[in-house]
Every structure is written in C-alpha cells, then in structure tokens.
Amino acid sequence: MPRIIESPTIIEAAGNKPKRIEEYVGRVNSSHSQVSVARMVSPAGWIEPGQRPEFMEITVVLTGRVRVEYEG
C-alpha cells in the first residue's frame, strides 16, 4: 500500500561542525533498512569519520563540492 511521507525526520550527524540531515526514507523515518533517501546540508570544511553503511547510500551534490577519501 502506498504511504505518503509528510515530512522528513531530522537526524543529528557526526562530524566536526553542525550538519543537517533530513531523512525521507530510511531506518528512522520509514523503517527501510536497505536504502536511505535524505537531504543533507553541510557547512564548508565539514568532515566525518569513515563509514561502511549496511545500506545503499547515494550522494548527489546540488551546489558546492564534495571530496571523498576511500580505501583502495
């Protein structure tokens, strides 16, 4: 059955500066464990510890830029 998600859930982010995460679909807002759809607003210079999420995470950069460091 389709379900309307009226608004995102705000999630606190780890990192060196305040960052806003608005989750529309994922563990918190819709109980989906395999995918996360969220809008994130990060300040310039924001960094976070490395991650290995257990779900599909896709990042789309609408403005600004993102620097990704990875193993391998």
PDB file of N, CA and C in Angstrom:
ATOM      1  N   MET A   1       0.843  -1.173   0.000  1.00  0.00           N
ATOM      2  CA  MET A   1       0.000   0.000   0.000  1.00  0.00           C
ATOM      3  C   MET A   1       0.895   1.246   0.000  1.00  0.00           C
ATOM      4  N   PRO A   2       0.631   2.193  -0.870  1.00  0.00           N
ATOM      5  CA  PRO A   2       1.407   3.436  -0.866  1.00  0.00           C
ATOM      6  C   PRO A   2       1.234   4.196   0.449  1.00  0.00           C
ATOM      7  N   ARG A   3       2.271   4.918   0.805  1.00  0.00           N
ATOM      8  CA  ARG A   3       2.232   5.715   2.034  1.00  0.00           C
ATOM      9  C   ARG A   3       2.840   7.081   1.758  1.00  0.00           C
ATOM     10  N   ILE A   4       2.174   8.125   2.147  1.00  0.00           N
ATOM     11  CA  ILE A   4       2.686   9.480   1.985  1.00  0.00           C
ATOM     12  C   ILE A   4       3.585   9.810   3.166  1.00  0.00           C
ATOM     13  N   ILE A   5       4.790  10.269   2.876  1.00  0.00           N
ATOM     14  CA  ILE A   5       5.704  10.723   3.922  1.00  0.00           C
ATOM     15  C   ILE A   5       5.574  12.235   3.949  1.00  0.00           C
ATOM     16  N   GLU A   6       4.909  12.744   4.946  1.00  0.00           N
ATOM     17  CA  GLU A   6       4.564  14.165   5.033  1.00  0.00           C
ATOM     18  C   GLU A   6       5.780  15.076   5.185  1.00  0.00           C
ATOM     19  N   SER A   7       6.761  14.615   5.954  1.00  0.00           N
ATOM     20  CA  SER A   7       7.935  15.451   6.192  1.00  0.00           C
ATOM     21  C   SER A   7       9.101  14.564   6.616  1.00  0.00           C
ATOM     22  N   PRO A   8      10.320  15.049   6.431  1.00  0.00           N
ATOM     23  CA  PRO A   8      11.482  14.255   6.830  1.00  0.00           C
ATOM     24  C   PRO A   8      11.685  14.277   8.337  1.00  0.00           C
ATOM     25  N   THR A   9      12.481  13.324   8.803  1.00  0.00           N
ATOM     26  CA  THR A   9      12.926  13.303  10.188  1.00  0.00           C
ATOM     27  C   THR A   9      14.327  13.914  10.226  1.00  0.00           C
ATOM     28  N   ILE A  10      14.558  14.825  11.155  1.00  0.00           N
ATOM     29  CA  ILE A  10      15.868  15.468  11.291  1.00  0.00           C
ATOM     30  C   ILE A  10      16.762  14.549  12.119  1.00  0.00           C
ATOM     31  N   ILE A  11      17.958  14.270  11.599  1.00  0.00           N
ATOM     32  CA  ILE A  11      18.894  13.366  12.256  1.00  0.00           C
ATOM     33  C   ILE A  11      20.184  14.121  12.557  1.00  0.00           C
ATOM     34  N   GLU A  12      20.717  13.941  13.749  1.00  0.00           N
ATOM     35  CA  GLU A  12      21.979  14.570  14.133  1.00  0.00           C
ATOM     36  C   GLU A  12      23.135  13.830  13.465  1.00  0.00           C
ATOM     37  N   ALA A  13      24.057  14.582  12.889  1.00  0.00           N
ATOM     38  CA  ALA A  13      25.180  13.985  12.169  1.00  0.00           C
ATOM     39  C   ALA A  13      26.459  14.045  12.990  1.00  0.00           C
ATOM     40  N   ALA A  14      27.298  13.035  12.799  1.00  0.00           N
ATOM     41  CA  ALA A  14      28.634  13.062  13.381  1.00  0.00           C
ATOM     42  C   ALA A  14      29.495  13.971  12.520  1.00  0.00           C
ATOM     43  N   GLY A  15      30.509  14.546  13.102  1.00  0.00           N
ATOM     44  CA  GLY A  15      31.402  15.385  12.325  1.00  0.00           C
ATOM     45  C   GLY A  15      31.944  16.531  13.142  1.00  0.00           C
ATOM     46  N   ASN A  16      32.780  17.329  12.510  1.00  0.00           N
ATOM     47  CA  ASN A  16      33.459  18.406  13.226  1.00  0.00           C
ATOM     48  C   ASN A  16      32.648  19.705  13.301  1.00  0.00           C
ATOM     49  N   LYS A  17      31.568  19.824  12.521  1.00  0.00           N
ATOM     50  CA  LYS A  17      30.719  21.017  12.528  1.00  0.00           C
ATOM     51  C   LYS A  17      29.260  20.573  12.446  1.00  0.00           C
ATOM     52  N   PRO A  18      28.321  21.423  12.834  1.00  0.00           N
ATOM     53  CA  PRO A  18      26.912  21.045  12.729  1.00  0.00           C
ATOM     54  C   PRO A  18      26.502  20.792  11.276  1.00  0.00           C
ATOM     55  N   LYS A  19      25.760  19.730  11.062  1.00  0.00           N
ATOM     56  CA  LYS A  19      25.274  19.357   9.738  1.00  0.00           C
ATOM     57  C   LYS A  19      23.822  18.920   9.876  1.00  0.00           C
ATOM     58  N   ARG A  20      22.991  19.276   8.926  1.00  0.00           N
ATOM     59  CA  ARG A  20      21.571  18.925   8.976  1.00  0.00           C
ATOM     60  C   ARG A  20      21.289  17.774   8.012  1.00  0.00           C
ATOM     61  N   ILE A  21      20.694  16.698   8.521  1.00  0.00           N
ATOM     62  CA  ILE A  21      20.258  15.572   7.699  1.00  0.00           C
ATOM     63  C   ILE A  21      18.742  15.480   7.822  1.00  0.00           C
ATOM     64  N   GLU A  22      18.050  15.519   6.693  1.00  0.00           N
ATOM     65  CA  GLU A  22      16.598  15.379   6.644  1.00  0.00           C
ATOM     66  C   GLU A  22      16.298  14.056   5.949  1.00  0.00           C
ATOM     67  N   GLU A  23      15.978  13.035   6.724  1.00  0.00           N
ATOM     68  CA  GLU A  23      15.710  11.711   6.150  1.00  0.00           C
ATOM     69  C   GLU A  23      14.260  11.591   5.718  1.00  0.00           C
ATOM     70  N   TYR A  24      14.068  11.247   4.449  1.00  0.00           N
ATOM     71  CA  TYR A  24      12.728  10.996   3.920  1.00  0.00           C
ATOM     72  C   TYR A  24      12.407   9.507   3.965  1.00  0.00           C
ATOM     73  N   VAL A  25      13.354   8.689   3.524  1.00  0.00           N
ATOM     74  CA  VAL A  25      13.191   7.239   3.537  1.00  0.00           C
ATOM     75  C   VAL A  25      14.435   6.642   4.161  1.00  0.00           C
ATOM     76  N   GLY A  26      14.251   5.717   5.089  1.00  0.00           N
ATOM     77  CA  GLY A  26      15.385   5.063   5.740  1.00  0.00           C
ATOM     78  C   GLY A  26      14.968   4.436   7.051  1.00  0.00           C
ATOM     79  N   ARG A  27      15.937   4.039   7.832  1.00  0.00           N
ATOM     80  CA  ARG A  27      15.661   3.347   9.107  1.00  0.00           C
ATOM     81  C   ARG A  27      14.772   4.157  10.047  1.00  0.00           C
ATOM     82  N   VAL A  28      15.041   5.454  10.157  1.00  0.00           N
ATOM     83  CA  VAL A  28      14.326   6.273  11.141  1.00  0.00           C
ATOM     84  C   VAL A  28      12.918   6.639  10.681  1.00  0.00           C
ATOM     85  N   ASN A  29      12.779   7.161   9.458  1.00  0.00           N
ATOM     86  CA  ASN A  29      11.502   7.735   9.034  1.00  0.00           C
ATOM     87  C   ASN A  29      10.524   6.724   8.448  1.00  0.00           C
ATOM     88  N   SER A  30      11.014   5.634   7.842  1.00  0.00           N
ATOM     89  CA  SER A  30      10.103   4.710   7.176  1.00  0.00           C
ATOM     90  C   SER A  30      10.399   3.241   7.467  1.00  0.00           C
ATOM     91  N   SER A  31      11.353   2.974   8.343  1.00  0.00           N
ATOM     92  CA  SER A  31      11.745   1.604   8.727  1.00  0.00           C
ATOM     93  C   SER A  31      12.346   0.805   7.576  1.00  0.00           C
ATOM     94  N   HIS A  32      12.884   1.468   6.552  1.00  0.00           N
ATOM     95  CA  HIS A  32      13.573   0.775   5.470  1.00  0.00           C
ATOM     96  C   HIS A  32      15.048   0.644   5.845  1.00  0.00           C
ATOM     97  N   SER A  33      15.565  -0.563   5.821  1.00  0.00           N
ATOM     98  CA  SER A  33      16.961  -0.764   6.234  1.00  0.00           C
ATOM     99  C   SER A  33      17.920  -0.881   5.059  1.00  0.00           C
ATOM    100  N   GLN A  34      17.415  -0.991   3.840  1.00  0.00           N
ATOM    101  CA  GLN A  34      18.282  -1.213   2.690  1.00  0.00           C
ATOM    102  C   GLN A  34      18.600   0.042   1.886  1.00  0.00           C
ATOM    103  N   VAL A  35      17.887   1.122   2.134  1.00  0.00           N
ATOM    104  CA  VAL A  35      18.097   2.342   1.360  1.00  0.00           C
ATOM    105  C   VAL A  35      17.872   3.561   2.245  1.00  0.00           C
ATOM    106  N   SER A  36      18.560   4.637   1.919  1.00  0.00           N
ATOM    107  CA  SER A  36      18.373   5.893   2.636  1.00  0.00           C
ATOM    108  C   SER A  36      18.240   7.006   1.604  1.00  0.00           C
ATOM    109  N   VAL A  37      17.175   7.786   1.724  1.00  0.00           N
ATOM    110  CA  VAL A  37      16.979   8.968   0.884  1.00  0.00           C
ATOM    111  C   VAL A  37      16.894  10.151   1.831  1.00  0.00           C
ATOM    112  N   ALA A  38      17.893  11.027   1.757  1.00  0.00           N
ATOM    113  CA  ALA A  38      17.955  12.136   2.703  1.00  0.00           C
ATOM    114  C   ALA A  38      18.556  13.366   2.031  1.00  0.00           C
ATOM    115  N   ARG A  39      18.154  14.516   2.519  1.00  0.00           N
ATOM    116  CA  ARG A  39      18.755  15.783   2.101  1.00  0.00           C
ATOM    117  C   ARG A  39      19.729  16.186   3.202  1.00  0.00           C
ATOM    118  N   MET A  40      20.961  16.503   2.799  1.00  0.00           N
ATOM    119  CA  MET A  40      21.963  16.904   3.776  1.00  0.00           C
ATOM    120  C   MET A  40      22.506  18.277   3.410  1.00  0.00           C
ATOM    121  N   VAL A  41      22.650  19.119   4.412  1.00  0.00           N
ATOM    122  CA  VAL A  41      23.246  20.442   4.226  1.00  0.00           C
ATOM    123  C   VAL A  41      24.465  20.499   5.133  1.00  0.00           C
ATOM    124  N   SER A  42      25.642  20.571   4.515  1.00  0.00           N
ATOM    125  CA  SER A  42      26.901  20.548   5.257  1.00  0.00           C
ATOM    126  C   SER A  42      27.617  21.883   5.110  1.00  0.00           C
ATOM    127  N   PRO A  43      28.181  22.411   6.197  1.00  0.00           N
ATOM    128  CA  PRO A  43      28.957  23.641   6.094  1.00  0.00           C
ATOM    129  C   PRO A  43      30.316  23.373   5.439  1.00  0.00           C
ATOM    130  N   ALA A  44      30.900  24.388   4.865  1.00  0.00           N
ATOM    131  CA  ALA A  44      32.232  24.253   4.267  1.00  0.00           C
ATOM    132  C   ALA A  44      33.211  23.736   5.312  1.00  0.00           C
ATOM    133  N   GLY A  45      34.062  22.809   4.934  1.00  0.00           N
ATOM    134  CA  GLY A  45      35.057  22.268   5.850  1.00  0.00           C
ATOM    135  C   GLY A  45      34.555  21.151   6.736  1.00  0.00           C
ATOM    136  N   TRP A  46      33.314  20.725   6.550  1.00  0.00           N
ATOM    137  CA  TRP A  46      32.751  19.661   7.382  1.00  0.00           C
ATOM    138  C   TRP A  46      33.398  18.339   7.011  1.00  0.00           C
ATOM    139  N   ILE A  47      33.793  17.555   8.008  1.00  0.00           N
ATOM    140  CA  ILE A  47      34.339  16.219   7.785  1.00  0.00           C
ATOM    141  C   ILE A  47      33.705  15.264   8.786  1.00  0.00           C
ATOM    142  N   GLU A  48      33.743  13.976   8.462  1.00  0.00           N
ATOM    143  CA  GLU A  48      33.203  12.952   9.354  1.00  0.00           C
ATOM    144  C   GLU A  48      34.111  11.739   9.332  1.00  0.00           C
ATOM    145  N   PRO A  49      33.981  10.873  10.334  1.00  0.00           N
ATOM    146  CA  PRO A  49      34.767   9.642  10.342  1.00  0.00           C
ATOM    147  C   PRO A  49      34.361   8.747   9.172  1.00  0.00           C
ATOM    148  N   GLY A  50      35.265   7.858   8.745  1.00  0.00           N
ATOM    149  CA  GLY A  50      34.950   6.908   7.680  1.00  0.00           C
ATOM    150  C   GLY A  50      33.768   6.027   8.046  1.00  0.00           C
ATOM    151  N   GLN A  51      33.042   5.570   7.040  1.00  0.00           N
ATOM    152  CA  GLN A  51      31.839   4.770   7.269  1.00  0.00           C
ATOM    153  C   GLN A  51      31.817   3.550   6.362  1.00  0.00           C
ATOM    154  N   ARG A  52      31.083   2.544   6.781  1.00  0.00           N
ATOM    155  CA  ARG A  52      30.763   1.376   5.960  1.00  0.00           C
ATOM    156  C   ARG A  52      29.284   1.060   6.196  1.00  0.00           C
ATOM    157  N   PRO A  53      28.400   1.863   5.602  1.00  0.00           N
ATOM    158  CA  PRO A  53      26.966   1.651   5.868  1.00  0.00           C
ATOM    159  C   PRO A  53      26.491   0.296   5.349  1.00  0.00           C
ATOM    160  N   GLU A  54      25.476  -0.243   6.003  1.00  0.00           N
ATOM    161  CA  GLU A  54      24.894  -1.529   5.622  1.00  0.00           C
ATOM    162  C   GLU A  54      23.692  -1.329   4.704  1.00  0.00           C
ATOM    163  N   PHE A  55      23.630  -0.177   4.060  1.00  0.00           N
ATOM    164  CA  PHE A  55      22.519   0.118   3.155  1.00  0.00           C
ATOM    165  C   PHE A  55      23.067   0.870   1.950  1.00  0.00           C
ATOM    166  N   MET A  56      22.266   0.972   0.902  1.00  0.00           N
ATOM    167  CA  MET A  56      22.655   1.704  -0.300  1.00  0.00           C
ATOM    168  C   MET A  56      22.638   3.193   0.012  1.00  0.00           C
ATOM    169  N   GLU A  57      23.774   3.836  -0.172  1.00  0.00           N
ATOM    170  CA  GLU A  57      23.858   5.278   0.072  1.00  0.00           C
ATOM    171  C   GLU A  57      24.339   5.937  -1.208  1.00  0.00           C
ATOM    172  N   ILE A  58      23.548   6.872  -1.725  1.00  0.00           N
ATOM    173  CA  ILE A  58      23.865   7.588  -2.955  1.00  0.00           C
ATOM    174  C   ILE A  58      23.924   9.061  -2.621  1.00  0.00           C
ATOM    175  N   THR A  59      24.983   9.745  -3.073  1.00  0.00           N
ATOM    176  CA  THR A  59      25.145  11.165  -2.793  1.00  0.00           C
ATOM    177  C   THR A  59      25.031  11.952  -4.087  1.00  0.00           C
ATOM    178  N   VAL A  60      24.168  12.962  -4.081  1.00  0.00           N
ATOM    179  CA  VAL A  60      24.023  13.875  -5.206  1.00  0.00           C
ATOM    180  C   VAL A  60      24.391  15.260  -4.686  1.00  0.00           C
ATOM    181  N   VAL A  61      25.352  15.909  -5.323  1.00  0.00           N
ATOM    182  CA  VAL A  61      25.781  17.238  -4.900  1.00  0.00           C
ATOM    183  C   VAL A  61      25.080  18.258  -5.797  1.00  0.00           C
ATOM    184  N   LEU A  62      24.225  19.093  -5.194  1.00  0.00           N
ATOM    185  CA  LEU A  62      23.478  20.085  -5.961  1.00  0.00           C
ATOM    186  C   LEU A  62      24.220  21.408  -6.074  1.00  0.00           C
ATOM    187  N   THR A  63      24.909  21.801  -5.016  1.00  0.00           N
ATOM    188  CA  THR A  63      25.742  23.002  -5.052  1.00  0.00           C
ATOM    189  C   THR A  63      27.005  22.724  -4.249  1.00  0.00           C
ATOM    190  N   GLY A  64      28.053  23.461  -4.552  1.00  0.00           N
ATOM    191  CA  GLY A  64      29.310  23.251  -3.838  1.00  0.00           C
ATOM    192  C   GLY A  64      30.051  22.057  -4.400  1.00  0.00           C
ATOM    193  N   ARG A  65      30.846  21.414  -3.565  1.00  0.00           N
ATOM    194  CA  ARG A  65      31.609  20.248  -4.000  1.00  0.00           C
ATOM    195  C   ARG A  65      31.804  19.301  -2.827  1.00  0.00           C
ATOM    196  N   VAL A  66      32.160  18.074  -3.160  1.00  0.00           N
ATOM    197  CA  VAL A  66      32.406  17.066  -2.141  1.00  0.00           C
ATOM    198  C   VAL A  66      33.756  16.409  -2.434  1.00  0.00           C
ATOM    199  N   ARG A  67      34.501  16.173  -1.392  1.00  0.00           N
ATOM    200  CA  ARG A  67      35.781  15.483  -1.507  1.00  0.00           C
ATOM    201  C   ARG A  67      35.618  14.149  -0.811  1.00  0.00           C
ATOM    202  N   VAL A  68      35.919  13.065  -1.517  1.00  0.00           N
ATOM    203  CA  VAL A  68      35.753  11.734  -0.975  1.00  0.00           C
ATOM    204  C   VAL A  68      37.108  11.062  -0.879  1.00  0.00           C
ATOM    205  N   GLU A  69      37.436  10.559   0.301  1.00  0.00           N
ATOM    206  CA  GLU A  69      38.628   9.738   0.506  1.00  0.00           C
ATOM    207  C   GLU A  69      38.146   8.325   0.794  1.00  0.00           C
ATOM    208  N   TYR A  70      38.814   7.335   0.199  1.00  0.00           N
ATOM    209  CA  TYR A  70      38.376   5.971   0.381  1.00  0.00           C
ATOM    210  C   TYR A  70      39.564   5.029   0.400  1.00  0.00           C
ATOM    211  N   GLU A  71      39.340   3.831   0.933  1.00  0.00           N
ATOM    212  CA  GLU A  71      40.382   2.807   0.947  1.00  0.00           C
ATOM    213  C   GLU A  71      40.476   2.199  -0.449  1.00  0.00           C
ATOM    214  N   GLY A  72      41.702   1.933  -0.909  1.00  0.00           N
ATOM    215  CA  GLY A  72      41.872   1.271  -2.198  1.00  0.00           C
ATOM    216  C   GLY A  72      42.127   2.240  -3.312  1.00  0.00           C
TER     217      GLY A  72
END
